[in-house]
Amino acid sequence: MKNRFLDALADRVLLCDGGMRTVLYGKGVYLNTCFDELNLTNPAIVKEVHREYVQSGVDIIETNTFGVNRLKLRKYGLNDKVGDINRSGAAVAREEAGEAVFVAGSIGPLGAGIAPLGHLSAAAAVSVVSMREKSALGKKLADRVFVTSVEIVPPRGHDPAAAVEAARALGKRGVDCVNIPDGPRASARMSPMALAVILTAEAGAEVLLHYTCRDRNLLGMQSDFLGLQANKIRNMLIITGDPPKLGDYPSATAVFDVDSIGLTNVVSGLNHGVDIGGKAMAKPTSFLIGVGVNPGAINLENEIARFERKIETGAEFAITQPGSTSGRSRVF
């Protein structure tokens, strides 16, 4: 079977276009604009650039997709539009190329350093399941829908009936999800994972499960997350956890193999089919990864730096403690 592109390449030197963004800037597009989003919001100007290159006699035009990856698009709030922007970019270029001109897909750098030169793990550099595909909560966040969540603390005993009734009542009142803390204030309560499975099955609740680094080593953590995936619990809020000395059992042993940044990296790896030992899994997990952030932190610079690292290692949303829109929260 003949390949027209390879035949042309063997026959002559092929001339490509270049500088799509420079040309768009010259046409009045501001530098703080997401140039790739123009494939959706203003395809006419992208077509115009392609048309000018075709008329000038190039053999190949590149799609306007140089910066289309979830990391680069995240700062524009477009990280869930990767597929839409790429497809539109290809369609726009193909329309202007006609039959004679080839179309090449433009793929730029990731936009973040990969370990050990940066904070991003190799696993997190590959995306598998988009936010909206992970859960009902993920879809609402991806669609920028205002979301309400109410916390239900696991009981100190083994009877979940009150929690089930509360979850049902909240669902009837339009609450989007129930979040379940993991041993808040280092207290000993029913397993939040068990309660999450119960509320999902018996109350039909969309649950957001807190998971701390305090009580389990890395092997136990991976086992827990694989079990949660099997039980269709997808929404996670990863936090470091309160030390035991703050709770009912101050002499209890804390593990802390990793902190919340490290565990975010672990779960992101599972989402990309890589376990804690770096071995490939048969099938990746699909957790929606949330993290905590504290606008009232004494060292705000350090808190923001940690938050940035959580994002780089795979966090998709964040939750703060209740606050106001003034004072330290506004500064944050």
Foldseek 3Di string as FASTA:
>chain_A
DDDPVVVVVVVDDFFEDDDLVVVVVVVPDDPVDPQLCCLPVPLPVVLVVLLVVVVVPGQEYEFSCQQQALVSCVVVLCSLCSVVSQVSRVVSNDVNQPDRHHYHYHYHDQPADEPPVGLADPLLSDADDQQLVQDVVSVCVSVVHDAAEEEDEAAQDDDCVVVLVVQLVCVVVPHQAYEYEACAQVHHHPGQLVSVLVNCVRRVGLYAYEDAQWPDAQVVVVVSVVVSLVSSNAHYEYAHHDQNCRDDRNVDHTDCNDGSLVVLLQLSNQQSQAHPVRDGHPHGGHHQYEYEAELPDPPVVVRVVVVVSSVSSPHDYYDYDDDDCDDSVVVD
